[in-house]
Amino acid sequence: MATYDIRIPHPERARAAGAFAFRSQSAAGMAEELQAALAGSGLFERWRATQDEPDEVDPALGAVDPAARVEGAQEDLDFDLTATTTLPGEILRHRLRLLAGSAWELRNVRG
């Protein structure tokens, strides 16, 4: 299990990242949304349905970790999220790109 330290330096940019973007106004809310995206298949399935050839999307991208946990804290105007999951970094980054576009930074990985 790995722990990922993620910073959202401009939460308003993350919320404007597209159709699947974060909707929450708080760090705790964004943590809940990311946790749901890692623990369940809802976000992945919504994204896959928008693809030109949904059946050709690699099903491995839809992996979930029901035990994933994400905590959020606000640091000045930035949001810091700490995600603990068994999912590979590639899956975490894919979900974050859907939720925040490029408006996030991976600060550290432990474990």
PDB file of N, CA and C in Angstrom:
ATOM      1  N   MET A   1       0.854  -1.173   0.000  1.00  0.00           N
ATOM      2  CA  MET A   1       0.000   0.000   0.000  1.00  0.00           C
ATOM      3  C   MET A   1       0.899   1.235   0.000  1.00  0.00           C
ATOM      4  N   ALA A   2       0.584   2.181  -0.855  1.00  0.00           N
ATOM      5  CA  ALA A   2       1.383   3.410  -0.959  1.00  0.00           C
ATOM      6  C   ALA A   2       0.566   4.600  -0.486  1.00  0.00           C
ATOM      7  N   THR A   3       1.278   5.603  -0.021  1.00  0.00           N
ATOM      8  CA  THR A   3       0.659   6.861   0.390  1.00  0.00           C
ATOM      9  C   THR A   3       1.191   7.962  -0.506  1.00  0.00           C
ATOM     10  N   TYR A   4       0.270   8.704  -1.102  1.00  0.00           N
ATOM     11  CA  TYR A   4       0.598   9.769  -2.046  1.00  0.00           C
ATOM     12  C   TYR A   4       0.227  11.112  -1.436  1.00  0.00           C
ATOM     13  N   ASP A   5       1.186  12.028  -1.412  1.00  0.00           N
ATOM     14  CA  ASP A   5       0.924  13.395  -0.964  1.00  0.00           C
ATOM     15  C   ASP A   5       0.697  14.254  -2.202  1.00  0.00           C
ATOM     16  N   ILE A   6      -0.480  14.845  -2.272  1.00  0.00           N
ATOM     17  CA  ILE A   6      -0.915  15.591  -3.452  1.00  0.00           C
ATOM     18  C   ILE A   6      -1.264  17.013  -3.036  1.00  0.00           C
ATOM     19  N   ARG A   7      -0.822  17.974  -3.813  1.00  0.00           N
ATOM     20  CA  ARG A   7      -1.179  19.374  -3.559  1.00  0.00           C
ATOM     21  C   ARG A   7      -2.026  19.884  -4.707  1.00  0.00           C
ATOM     22  N   ILE A   8      -3.084  20.590  -4.356  1.00  0.00           N
ATOM     23  CA  ILE A   8      -3.918  21.297  -5.334  1.00  0.00           C
ATOM     24  C   ILE A   8      -3.669  22.783  -5.061  1.00  0.00           C
ATOM     25  N   PRO A   9      -2.717  23.401  -5.800  1.00  0.00           N
ATOM     26  CA  PRO A   9      -2.327  24.776  -5.486  1.00  0.00           C
ATOM     27  C   PRO A   9      -3.389  25.823  -5.848  1.00  0.00           C
ATOM     28  N   HIS A  10      -4.227  25.507  -6.793  1.00  0.00           N
ATOM     29  CA  HIS A  10      -5.278  26.445  -7.211  1.00  0.00           C
ATOM     30  C   HIS A  10      -6.584  25.657  -7.325  1.00  0.00           C
ATOM     31  N   PRO A  11      -7.289  25.477  -6.224  1.00  0.00           N
ATOM     32  CA  PRO A  11      -8.510  24.656  -6.255  1.00  0.00           C
ATOM     33  C   PRO A  11      -9.534  25.118  -7.293  1.00  0.00           C
ATOM     34  N   GLU A  12      -9.583  26.410  -7.546  1.00  0.00           N
ATOM     35  CA  GLU A  12     -10.551  26.900  -8.542  1.00  0.00           C
ATOM     36  C   GLU A  12     -10.216  26.380  -9.941  1.00  0.00           C
ATOM     37  N   ARG A  13      -8.943  26.205 -10.246  1.00  0.00           N
ATOM     38  CA  ARG A  13      -8.545  25.625 -11.544  1.00  0.00           C
ATOM     39  C   ARG A  13      -8.931  24.150 -11.613  1.00  0.00           C
ATOM     40  N   ALA A  14      -8.771  23.451 -10.500  1.00  0.00           N
ATOM     41  CA  ALA A  14      -9.147  22.036 -10.470  1.00  0.00           C
ATOM     42  C   ALA A  14     -10.653  21.890 -10.702  1.00  0.00           C
ATOM     43  N   ARG A  15     -11.438  22.775 -10.099  1.00  0.00           N
ATOM     44  CA  ARG A  15     -12.893  22.698 -10.267  1.00  0.00           C
ATOM     45  C   ARG A  15     -13.333  23.044 -11.685  1.00  0.00           C
ATOM     46  N   ALA A  16     -12.472  23.693 -12.452  1.00  0.00           N
ATOM     47  CA  ALA A  16     -12.795  24.082 -13.831  1.00  0.00           C
ATOM     48  C   ALA A  16     -12.141  23.150 -14.851  1.00  0.00           C
ATOM     49  N   ALA A  17     -11.719  21.973 -14.416  1.00  0.00           N
ATOM     50  CA  ALA A  17     -10.909  21.080 -15.254  1.00  0.00           C
ATOM     51  C   ALA A  17     -11.708  20.275 -16.272  1.00  0.00           C
ATOM     52  N   GLY A  18     -13.006  20.409 -16.315  1.00  0.00           N
ATOM     53  CA  GLY A  18     -13.765  19.683 -17.328  1.00  0.00           C
ATOM     54  C   GLY A  18     -14.988  18.986 -16.765  1.00  0.00           C
ATOM     55  N   ALA A  19     -15.536  18.108 -17.567  1.00  0.00           N
ATOM     56  CA  ALA A  19     -16.802  17.452 -17.247  1.00  0.00           C
ATOM     57  C   ALA A  19     -16.746  16.603 -15.976  1.00  0.00           C
ATOM     58  N   PHE A  20     -15.579  16.114 -15.615  1.00  0.00           N
ATOM     59  CA  PHE A  20     -15.462  15.216 -14.464  1.00  0.00           C
ATOM     60  C   PHE A  20     -14.782  15.888 -13.275  1.00  0.00           C
ATOM     61  N   ALA A  21     -14.625  17.201 -13.339  1.00  0.00           N
ATOM     62  CA  ALA A  21     -13.846  17.956 -12.356  1.00  0.00           C
ATOM     63  C   ALA A  21     -14.445  17.893 -10.957  1.00  0.00           C
ATOM     64  N   PHE A  22     -13.545  18.107  -9.984  1.00  0.00           N
ATOM     65  CA  PHE A  22     -13.981  18.265  -8.601  1.00  0.00           C
ATOM     66  C   PHE A  22     -15.100  19.295  -8.542  1.00  0.00           C
ATOM     67  N   ARG A  23     -16.039  19.092  -7.650  1.00  0.00           N
ATOM     68  CA  ARG A  23     -17.122  20.054  -7.432  1.00  0.00           C
ATOM     69  C   ARG A  23     -17.035  20.695  -6.048  1.00  0.00           C
ATOM     70  N   SER A  24     -16.302  20.069  -5.157  1.00  0.00           N
ATOM     71  CA  SER A  24     -16.227  20.515  -3.768  1.00  0.00           C
ATOM     72  C   SER A  24     -15.479  21.828  -3.619  1.00  0.00           C
ATOM     73  N   GLN A  25     -15.880  22.575  -2.613  1.00  0.00           N
ATOM     74  CA  GLN A  25     -15.249  23.856  -2.305  1.00  0.00           C
ATOM     75  C   GLN A  25     -14.180  23.721  -1.220  1.00  0.00           C
ATOM     76  N   SER A  26     -14.107  22.568  -0.566  1.00  0.00           N
ATOM     77  CA  SER A  26     -13.184  22.388   0.554  1.00  0.00           C
ATOM     78  C   SER A  26     -12.195  21.261   0.284  1.00  0.00           C
ATOM     79  N   ALA A  27     -11.109  21.273   1.041  1.00  0.00           N
ATOM     80  CA  ALA A  27     -10.121  20.196   0.936  1.00  0.00           C
ATOM     81  C   ALA A  27     -10.744  18.867   1.361  1.00  0.00           C
ATOM     82  N   ALA A  28     -11.541  18.887   2.408  1.00  0.00           N
ATOM     83  CA  ALA A  28     -12.191  17.654   2.870  1.00  0.00           C
ATOM     84  C   ALA A  28     -13.142  17.123   1.807  1.00  0.00           C
ATOM     85  N   GLY A  29     -13.848  18.012   1.139  1.00  0.00           N
ATOM     86  CA  GLY A  29     -14.765  17.595   0.077  1.00  0.00           C
ATOM     87  C   GLY A  29     -14.031  16.987  -1.102  1.00  0.00           C
ATOM     88  N   MET A  30     -12.903  17.612  -1.494  1.00  0.00           N
ATOM     89  CA  MET A  30     -12.116  17.045  -2.591  1.00  0.00           C
ATOM     90  C   MET A  30     -11.535  15.695  -2.192  1.00  0.00           C
ATOM     91  N   ALA A  31     -11.155  15.558  -0.928  1.00  0.00           N
ATOM     92  CA  ALA A  31     -10.648  14.269  -0.444  1.00  0.00           C
ATOM     93  C   ALA A  31     -11.732  13.202  -0.569  1.00  0.00           C
ATOM     94  N   GLU A  32     -12.967  13.544  -0.224  1.00  0.00           N
ATOM     95  CA  GLU A  32     -14.072  12.592  -0.351  1.00  0.00           C
ATOM     96  C   GLU A  32     -14.299  12.200  -1.806  1.00  0.00           C
ATOM     97  N   GLU A  33     -14.223  13.173  -2.717  1.00  0.00           N
ATOM     98  CA  GLU A  33     -14.424  12.874  -4.136  1.00  0.00           C
ATOM     99  C   GLU A  33     -13.320  11.969  -4.679  1.00  0.00           C
ATOM    100  N   LEU A  34     -12.056  12.253  -4.300  1.00  0.00           N
ATOM    101  CA  LEU A  34     -10.956  11.408  -4.757  1.00  0.00           C
ATOM    102  C   LEU A  34     -11.079  10.015  -4.157  1.00  0.00           C
ATOM    103  N   GLN A  35     -11.446   9.918  -2.894  1.00  0.00           N
ATOM    104  CA  GLN A  35     -11.618   8.609  -2.267  1.00  0.00           C
ATOM    105  C   GLN A  35     -12.692   7.811  -3.002  1.00  0.00           C
ATOM    106  N   ALA A  36     -13.795   8.441  -3.343  1.00  0.00           N
ATOM    107  CA  ALA A  36     -14.863   7.753  -4.084  1.00  0.00           C
ATOM    108  C   ALA A  36     -14.364   7.299  -5.459  1.00  0.00           C
ATOM    109  N   ALA A  37     -13.513   8.121  -6.089  1.00  0.00           N
ATOM    110  CA  ALA A  37     -12.978   7.785  -7.417  1.00  0.00           C
ATOM    111  C   ALA A  37     -12.016   6.608  -7.357  1.00  0.00           C
ATOM    112  N   LEU A  38     -11.327   6.440  -6.235  1.00  0.00           N
ATOM    113  CA  LEU A  38     -10.384   5.333  -6.084  1.00  0.00           C
ATOM    114  C   LEU A  38     -11.080   4.059  -5.601  1.00  0.00           C
ATOM    115  N   ALA A  39     -12.095   4.237  -4.761  1.00  0.00           N
ATOM    116  CA  ALA A  39     -12.749   3.089  -4.137  1.00  0.00           C
ATOM    117  C   ALA A  39     -13.872   2.490  -4.984  1.00  0.00           C
ATOM    118  N   GLY A  40     -14.396   3.253  -5.921  1.00  0.00           N
ATOM    119  CA  GLY A  40     -15.509   2.771  -6.735  1.00  0.00           C
ATOM    120  C   GLY A  40     -15.260   3.011  -8.214  1.00  0.00           C
ATOM    121  N   SER A  41     -16.129   2.461  -9.033  1.00  0.00           N
ATOM    122  CA  SER A  41     -15.923   2.541 -10.481  1.00  0.00           C
ATOM    123  C   SER A  41     -16.735   3.651 -11.156  1.00  0.00           C
ATOM    124  N   GLY A  42     -17.496   4.416 -10.411  1.00  0.00           N
ATOM    125  CA  GLY A  42     -18.388   5.408 -11.001  1.00  0.00           C
ATOM    126  C   GLY A  42     -17.707   6.415 -11.913  1.00  0.00           C
ATOM    127  N   LEU A  43     -16.652   7.062 -11.448  1.00  0.00           N
ATOM    128  CA  LEU A  43     -15.949   8.063 -12.253  1.00  0.00           C
ATOM    129  C   LEU A  43     -15.376   7.419 -13.515  1.00  0.00           C
ATOM    130  N   PHE A  44     -14.720   6.283 -13.350  1.00  0.00           N
ATOM    131  CA  PHE A  44     -14.142   5.593 -14.503  1.00  0.00           C
ATOM    132  C   PHE A  44     -15.215   5.246 -15.523  1.00  0.00           C
ATOM    133  N   GLU A  45     -16.337   4.718 -15.088  1.00  0.00           N
ATOM    134  CA  GLU A  45     -17.403   4.317 -16.015  1.00  0.00           C
ATOM    135  C   GLU A  45     -17.999   5.523 -16.734  1.00  0.00           C
ATOM    136  N   ARG A  46     -18.177   6.640 -16.023  1.00  0.00           N
ATOM    137  CA  ARG A  46     -18.683   7.861 -16.676  1.00  0.00           C
ATOM    138  C   ARG A  46     -17.701   8.333 -17.737  1.00  0.00           C
ATOM    139  N   TRP A  47     -16.393   8.314 -17.414  1.00  0.00           N
ATOM    140  CA  TRP A  47     -15.370   8.731 -18.383  1.00  0.00           C
ATOM    141  C   TRP A  47     -15.348   7.776 -19.574  1.00  0.00           C
ATOM    142  N   ARG A  48     -15.349   6.487 -19.295  1.00  0.00           N
ATOM    143  CA  ARG A  48     -15.280   5.479 -20.369  1.00  0.00           C
ATOM    144  C   ARG A  48     -16.453   5.635 -21.343  1.00  0.00           C
ATOM    145  N   ALA A  49     -17.617   5.958 -20.830  1.00  0.00           N
ATOM    146  CA  ALA A  49     -18.805   6.111 -21.681  1.00  0.00           C
ATOM    147  C   ALA A  49     -18.662   7.270 -22.668  1.00  0.00           C
ATOM    148  N   THR A  50     -17.770   8.212 -22.383  1.00  0.00           N
ATOM    149  CA  THR A  50     -17.579   9.358 -23.278  1.00  0.00           C
ATOM    150  C   THR A  50     -16.539   9.097 -24.368  1.00  0.00           C
ATOM    151  N   GLN A  51     -15.858   7.976 -24.287  1.00  0.00           N
ATOM    152  CA  GLN A  51     -14.811   7.664 -25.262  1.00  0.00           C
ATOM    153  C   GLN A  51     -15.426   7.201 -26.584  1.00  0.00           C
ATOM    154  N   ASP A  52     -14.734   7.460 -27.690  1.00  0.00           N
ATOM    155  CA  ASP A  52     -15.230   7.066 -29.009  1.00  0.00           C
ATOM    156  C   ASP A  52     -15.480   5.560 -29.104  1.00  0.00           C
ATOM    157  N   GLU A  53     -14.598   4.784 -28.514  1.00  0.00           N
ATOM    158  CA  GLU A  53     -14.722   3.322 -28.524  1.00  0.00           C
ATOM    159  C   GLU A  53     -14.638   2.811 -27.081  1.00  0.00           C
ATOM    160  N   PRO A  54     -15.707   2.952 -26.301  1.00  0.00           N
ATOM    161  CA  PRO A  54     -15.649   2.565 -24.883  1.00  0.00           C
ATOM    162  C   PRO A  54     -15.200   1.134 -24.650  1.00  0.00           C
ATOM    163  N   ASP A  55     -15.567   0.234 -25.554  1.00  0.00           N
ATOM    164  CA  ASP A  55     -15.196  -1.172 -25.368  1.00  0.00           C
ATOM    165  C   ASP A  55     -13.705  -1.418 -25.571  1.00  0.00           C
ATOM    166  N   GLU A  56     -13.013  -0.464 -26.172  1.00  0.00           N
ATOM    167  CA  GLU A  56     -11.581  -0.619 -26.408  1.00  0.00           C
ATOM    168  C   GLU A  56     -10.720   0.006 -25.306  1.00  0.00           C
ATOM    169  N   VAL A  57     -11.354   0.646 -24.326  1.00  0.00           N
ATOM    170  CA  VAL A  57     -10.610   1.210 -23.198  1.00  0.00           C
ATOM    171  C   VAL A  57     -10.050   0.059 -22.370  1.00  0.00           C
ATOM    172  N   ASP A  58      -8.779   0.159 -22.017  1.00  0.00           N
ATOM    173  CA  ASP A  58      -8.122  -0.872 -21.207  1.00  0.00           C
ATOM    174  C   ASP A  58      -8.866  -1.038 -19.887  1.00  0.00           C
ATOM    175  N   PRO A  59      -9.440  -2.223 -19.637  1.00  0.00           N
ATOM    176  CA  PRO A  59     -10.194  -2.418 -18.402  1.00  0.00           C
ATOM    177  C   PRO A  59      -9.338  -2.275 -17.145  1.00  0.00           C
ATOM    178  N   ALA A  60      -8.022  -2.419 -17.276  1.00  0.00           N
ATOM    179  CA  ALA A  60      -7.137  -2.255 -16.117  1.00  0.00           C
ATOM    180  C   ALA A  60      -7.209  -0.839 -15.551  1.00  0.00           C
ATOM    181  N   LEU A  61      -7.544   0.152 -16.398  1.00  0.00           N
ATOM    182  CA  LEU A  61      -7.701   1.530 -15.908  1.00  0.00           C
ATOM    183  C   LEU A  61      -8.879   1.665 -14.952  1.00  0.00           C
ATOM    184  N   GLY A  62      -9.776   0.687 -14.962  1.00  0.00           N
ATOM    185  CA  GLY A  62     -10.952   0.721 -14.100  1.00  0.00           C
ATOM    186  C   GLY A  62     -10.762   0.049 -12.758  1.00  0.00           C
ATOM    187  N   ALA A  63      -9.540  -0.334 -12.435  1.00  0.00           N
ATOM    188  CA  ALA A  63      -9.277  -0.982 -11.149  1.00  0.00           C
ATOM    189  C   ALA A  63      -9.739  -0.091  -9.998  1.00  0.00           C
ATOM    190  N   VAL A  64     -10.198  -0.716  -8.922  1.00  0.00           N
ATOM    191  CA  VAL A  64     -10.634   0.023  -7.739  1.00  0.00           C
ATOM    192  C   VAL A  64      -9.970  -0.555  -6.495  1.00  0.00           C
ATOM    193  N   ASP A  65      -9.947   0.245  -5.457  1.00  0.00           N
ATOM    194  CA  ASP A  65      -9.442  -0.166  -4.153  1.00  0.00           C
ATOM    195  C   ASP A  65     -10.482   0.245  -3.114  1.00  0.00           C
ATOM    196  N   PRO A  66     -11.393  -0.675  -2.748  1.00  0.00           N
ATOM    197  CA  PRO A  66     -12.438  -0.319  -1.787  1.00  0.00           C
ATOM    198  C   PRO A  66     -11.905   0.172  -0.447  1.00  0.00           C
ATOM    199  N   ALA A  67     -10.652  -0.161  -0.131  1.00  0.00           N
ATOM    200  CA  ALA A  67     -10.060   0.263   1.139  1.00  0.00           C
ATOM    201  C   ALA A  67      -9.295   1.581   1.026  1.00  0.00           C
ATOM    202  N   ALA A  68      -9.304   2.219  -0.140  1.00  0.00           N
ATOM    203  CA  ALA A  68      -8.576   3.486  -0.315  1.00  0.00           C
ATOM    204  C   ALA A  68      -9.096   4.536   0.675  1.00  0.00           C
ATOM    205  N   ARG A  69      -8.175   5.335   1.183  1.00  0.00           N
ATOM    206  CA  ARG A  69      -8.536   6.400   2.113  1.00  0.00           C
ATOM    207  C   ARG A  69      -7.838   7.682   1.679  1.00  0.00           C
ATOM    208  N   VAL A  70      -8.567   8.791   1.722  1.00  0.00           N
ATOM    209  CA  VAL A  70      -7.998  10.094   1.356  1.00  0.00           C
ATOM    210  C   VAL A  70      -8.391  11.099   2.423  1.00  0.00           C
ATOM    211  N   GLU A  71      -7.405  11.859   2.871  1.00  0.00           N
ATOM    212  CA  GLU A  71      -7.635  12.937   3.835  1.00  0.00           C
ATOM    213  C   GLU A  71      -7.271  14.251   3.169  1.00  0.00           C
ATOM    214  N   GLY A  72      -7.949  15.313   3.561  1.00  0.00           N
ATOM    215  CA  GLY A  72      -7.685  16.622   2.979  1.00  0.00           C
ATOM    216  C   GLY A  72      -7.487  17.679   4.044  1.00  0.00           C
ATOM    217  N   ALA A  73      -6.598  18.625   3.753  1.00  0.00           N
ATOM    218  CA  ALA A  73      -6.354  19.748   4.654  1.00  0.00           C
ATOM    219  C   ALA A  73      -6.079  20.984   3.815  1.00  0.00           C
ATOM    220  N   GLN A  74      -6.453  22.137   4.360  1.00  0.00           N
ATOM    221  CA  GLN A  74      -6.179  23.389   3.663  1.00  0.00           C
ATOM    222  C   GLN A  74      -4.935  24.016   4.251  1.00  0.00           C
ATOM    223  N   GLU A  75      -4.019  24.419   3.377  1.00  0.00           N
ATOM    224  CA  GLU A  75      -2.775  25.100   3.764  1.00  0.00           C
ATOM    225  C   GLU A  75      -2.754  26.417   3.017  1.00  0.00           C
ATOM    226  N   ASP A  76      -3.033  27.514   3.724  1.00  0.00           N
ATOM    227  CA  ASP A  76      -3.227  28.817   3.095  1.00  0.00           C
ATOM    228  C   ASP A  76      -4.332  28.673   2.047  1.00  0.00           C
ATOM    229  N   LEU A  77      -4.050  28.920   0.779  1.00  0.00           N
ATOM    230  CA  LEU A  77      -5.061  28.789  -0.263  1.00  0.00           C
ATOM    231  C   LEU A  77      -4.979  27.450  -0.987  1.00  0.00           C
ATOM    232  N   ASP A  78      -3.943  26.664  -0.662  1.00  0.00           N
ATOM    233  CA  ASP A  78      -3.737  25.365  -1.299  1.00  0.00           C
ATOM    234  C   ASP A  78      -4.488  24.275  -0.541  1.00  0.00           C
ATOM    235  N   PHE A  79      -4.826  23.210  -1.255  1.00  0.00           N
ATOM    236  CA  PHE A  79      -5.400  22.021  -0.627  1.00  0.00           C
ATOM    237  C   PHE A  79      -4.367  20.918  -0.696  1.00  0.00           C
ATOM    238  N   ASP A  80      -4.162  20.225   0.411  1.00  0.00           N
ATOM    239  CA  ASP A  80      -3.265  19.076   0.469  1.00  0.00           C
ATOM    240  C   ASP A  80      -4.106  17.829   0.697  1.00  0.00           C
ATOM    241  N   LEU A  81      -3.922  16.847  -0.171  1.00  0.00           N
ATOM    242  CA  LEU A  81      -4.621  15.579  -0.058  1.00  0.00           C
ATOM    243  C   LEU A  81      -3.599  14.477   0.189  1.00  0.00           C
ATOM    244  N   THR A  82      -3.929  13.548   1.054  1.00  0.00           N
ATOM    245  CA  THR A  82      -3.089  12.389   1.317  1.00  0.00           C
ATOM    246  C   THR A  82      -3.917  11.151   1.022  1.00  0.00           C
ATOM    247  N   ALA A  83      -3.505  10.414  -0.015  1.00  0.00           N
ATOM    248  CA  ALA A  83      -4.238   9.236  -0.462  1.00  0.00           C
ATOM    249  C   ALA A  83      -3.430   7.983  -0.152  1.00  0.00           C
ATOM    250  N   THR A  84      -4.059   7.025   0.500  1.00  0.00           N
ATOM    251  CA  THR A  84      -3.439   5.743   0.788  1.00  0.00           C
ATOM    252  C   THR A  84      -4.231   4.679   0.047  1.00  0.00           C
ATOM    253  N   THR A  85      -3.538   3.945  -0.837  1.00  0.00           N
ATOM    254  CA  THR A  85      -4.219   2.993  -1.704  1.00  0.00           C
ATOM    255  C   THR A  85      -3.268   1.906  -2.190  1.00  0.00           C
ATOM    256  N   THR A  86      -3.853   0.808  -2.605  1.00  0.00           N
ATOM    257  CA  THR A  86      -3.078  -0.263  -3.227  1.00  0.00           C
ATOM    258  C   THR A  86      -3.026  -0.086  -4.740  1.00  0.00           C
ATOM    259  N   LEU A  87      -3.768   0.880  -5.277  1.00  0.00           N
ATOM    260  CA  LEU A  87      -3.780   1.100  -6.727  1.00  0.00           C
ATOM    261  C   LEU A  87      -2.423   1.606  -7.209  1.00  0.00           C
ATOM    262  N   PRO A  88      -2.012   1.219  -8.411  1.00  0.00           N
ATOM    263  CA  PRO A  88      -0.755   1.730  -8.962  1.00  0.00           C
ATOM    264  C   PRO A  88      -0.838   3.236  -9.210  1.00  0.00           C
ATOM    265  N   GLY A  89       0.317   3.882  -9.226  1.00  0.00           N
ATOM    266  CA  GLY A  89       0.381   5.323  -9.458  1.00  0.00           C
ATOM    267  C   GLY A  89      -0.267   5.744 -10.766  1.00  0.00           C
ATOM    268  N   GLU A  90      -0.179   4.906 -11.793  1.00  0.00           N
ATOM    269  CA  GLU A  90      -0.780   5.229 -13.087  1.00  0.00           C
ATOM    270  C   GLU A  90      -2.291   5.417 -12.959  1.00  0.00           C
ATOM    271  N   ILE A  91      -2.939   4.574 -12.168  1.00  0.00           N
ATOM    272  CA  ILE A  91      -4.390   4.673 -11.970  1.00  0.00           C
ATOM    273  C   ILE A  91      -4.718   5.932 -11.170  1.00  0.00           C
ATOM    274  N   LEU A  92      -3.959   6.177 -10.110  1.00  0.00           N
ATOM    275  CA  LEU A  92      -4.177   7.391  -9.302  1.00  0.00           C
ATOM    276  C   LEU A  92      -4.034   8.631 -10.173  1.00  0.00           C
ATOM    277  N   ARG A  93      -2.994   8.691 -10.988  1.00  0.00           N
ATOM    278  CA  ARG A  93      -2.780   9.867 -11.848  1.00  0.00           C
ATOM    279  C   ARG A  93      -3.910  10.021 -12.860  1.00  0.00           C
ATOM    280  N   HIS A  94      -4.406   8.931 -13.411  1.00  0.00           N
ATOM    281  CA  HIS A  94      -5.516   9.005 -14.362  1.00  0.00           C
ATOM    282  C   HIS A  94      -6.750   9.605 -13.688  1.00  0.00           C
ATOM    283  N   ARG A  95      -7.080   9.144 -12.488  1.00  0.00           N
ATOM    284  CA  ARG A  95      -8.258   9.663 -11.767  1.00  0.00           C
ATOM    285  C   ARG A  95      -8.059  11.135 -11.422  1.00  0.00           C
ATOM    286  N   LEU A  96      -6.846  11.493 -11.016  1.00  0.00           N
ATOM    287  CA  LEU A  96      -6.587  12.903 -10.698  1.00  0.00           C
ATOM    288  C   LEU A  96      -6.693  13.792 -11.939  1.00  0.00           C
ATOM    289  N   ARG A  97      -6.227  13.301 -13.082  1.00  0.00           N
ATOM    290  CA  ARG A  97      -6.367  14.088 -14.319  1.00  0.00           C
ATOM    291  C   ARG A  97      -7.833  14.304 -14.661  1.00  0.00           C
ATOM    292  N   LEU A  98      -8.665  13.300 -14.419  1.00  0.00           N
ATOM    293  CA  LEU A  98     -10.101  13.470 -14.664  1.00  0.00           C
ATOM    294  C   LEU A  98     -10.699  14.497 -13.709  1.00  0.00           C
ATOM    295  N   LEU A  99     -10.295  14.439 -12.450  1.00  0.00           N
ATOM    296  CA  LEU A  99     -10.877  15.306 -11.426  1.00  0.00           C
ATOM    297  C   LEU A  99     -10.292  16.712 -11.401  1.00  0.00           C
ATOM    298  N   ALA A 100      -9.011  16.862 -11.747  1.00  0.00           N
ATOM    299  CA  ALA A 100      -8.344  18.154 -11.569  1.00  0.00           C
ATOM    300  C   ALA A 100      -7.572  18.617 -12.798  1.00  0.00           C
ATOM    301  N   GLY A 101      -7.641  17.885 -13.902  1.00  0.00           N
ATOM    302  CA  GLY A 101      -6.861  18.275 -15.075  1.00  0.00           C
ATOM    303  C   GLY A 101      -5.386  18.265 -14.733  1.00  0.00           C
ATOM    304  N   SER A 102      -4.714  19.360 -15.020  1.00  0.00           N
ATOM    305  CA  SER A 102      -3.290  19.473 -14.673  1.00  0.00           C
ATOM    306  C   SER A 102      -3.080  20.335 -13.427  1.00  0.00           C
ATOM    307  N   ALA A 103      -4.154  20.633 -12.706  1.00  0.00           N
ATOM    308  CA  ALA A 103      -4.083  21.549 -11.561  1.00  0.00           C
ATOM    309  C   ALA A 103      -3.780  20.804 -10.257  1.00  0.00           C
ATOM    310  N   TRP A 104      -2.829  19.881 -10.293  1.00  0.00           N
ATOM    311  CA  TRP A 104      -2.417  19.165  -9.093  1.00  0.00           C
ATOM    312  C   TRP A 104      -0.930  18.821  -9.195  1.00  0.00           C
ATOM    313  N   GLU A 105      -0.325  18.564  -8.044  1.00  0.00           N
ATOM    314  CA  GLU A 105       1.097  18.224  -7.966  1.00  0.00           C
ATOM    315  C   GLU A 105       1.264  17.006  -7.075  1.00  0.00           C
ATOM    316  N   LEU A 106       2.017  16.030  -7.537  1.00  0.00           N
ATOM    317  CA  LEU A 106       2.379  14.894  -6.694  1.00  0.00           C
ATOM    318  C   LEU A 106       3.630  15.282  -5.928  1.00  0.00           C
ATOM    319  N   ARG A 107       3.516  15.417  -4.622  1.00  0.00           N
ATOM    320  CA  ARG A 107       4.621  15.932  -3.802  1.00  0.00           C
ATOM    321  C   ARG A 107       5.520  14.831  -3.256  1.00  0.00           C
ATOM    322  N   ASN A 108       4.933  13.672  -2.944  1.00  0.00           N
ATOM    323  CA  ASN A 108       5.721  12.610  -2.325  1.00  0.00           C
ATOM    324  C   ASN A 108       4.958  11.297  -2.429  1.00  0.00           C
ATOM    325  N   VAL A 109       5.709  10.206  -2.471  1.00  0.00           N
ATOM    326  CA  VAL A 109       5.123   8.863  -2.444  1.00  0.00           C
ATOM    327  C   VAL A 109       5.889   8.077  -1.385  1.00  0.00           C
ATOM    328  N   ARG A 110       5.138   7.457  -0.479  1.00  0.00           N
ATOM    329  CA  ARG A 110       5.744   6.635   0.576  1.00  0.00           C
ATOM    330  C   ARG A 110       5.173   5.229   0.484  1.00  0.00           C
ATOM    331  N   GLY A 111       6.008   4.273   0.851  1.00  0.00           N
ATOM    332  CA  GLY A 111       5.541   2.882   0.922  1.00  0.00           C
ATOM    333  C   GLY A 111       5.752   2.218  -0.338  1.00  0.00           C
TER     334      GLY A 111
END
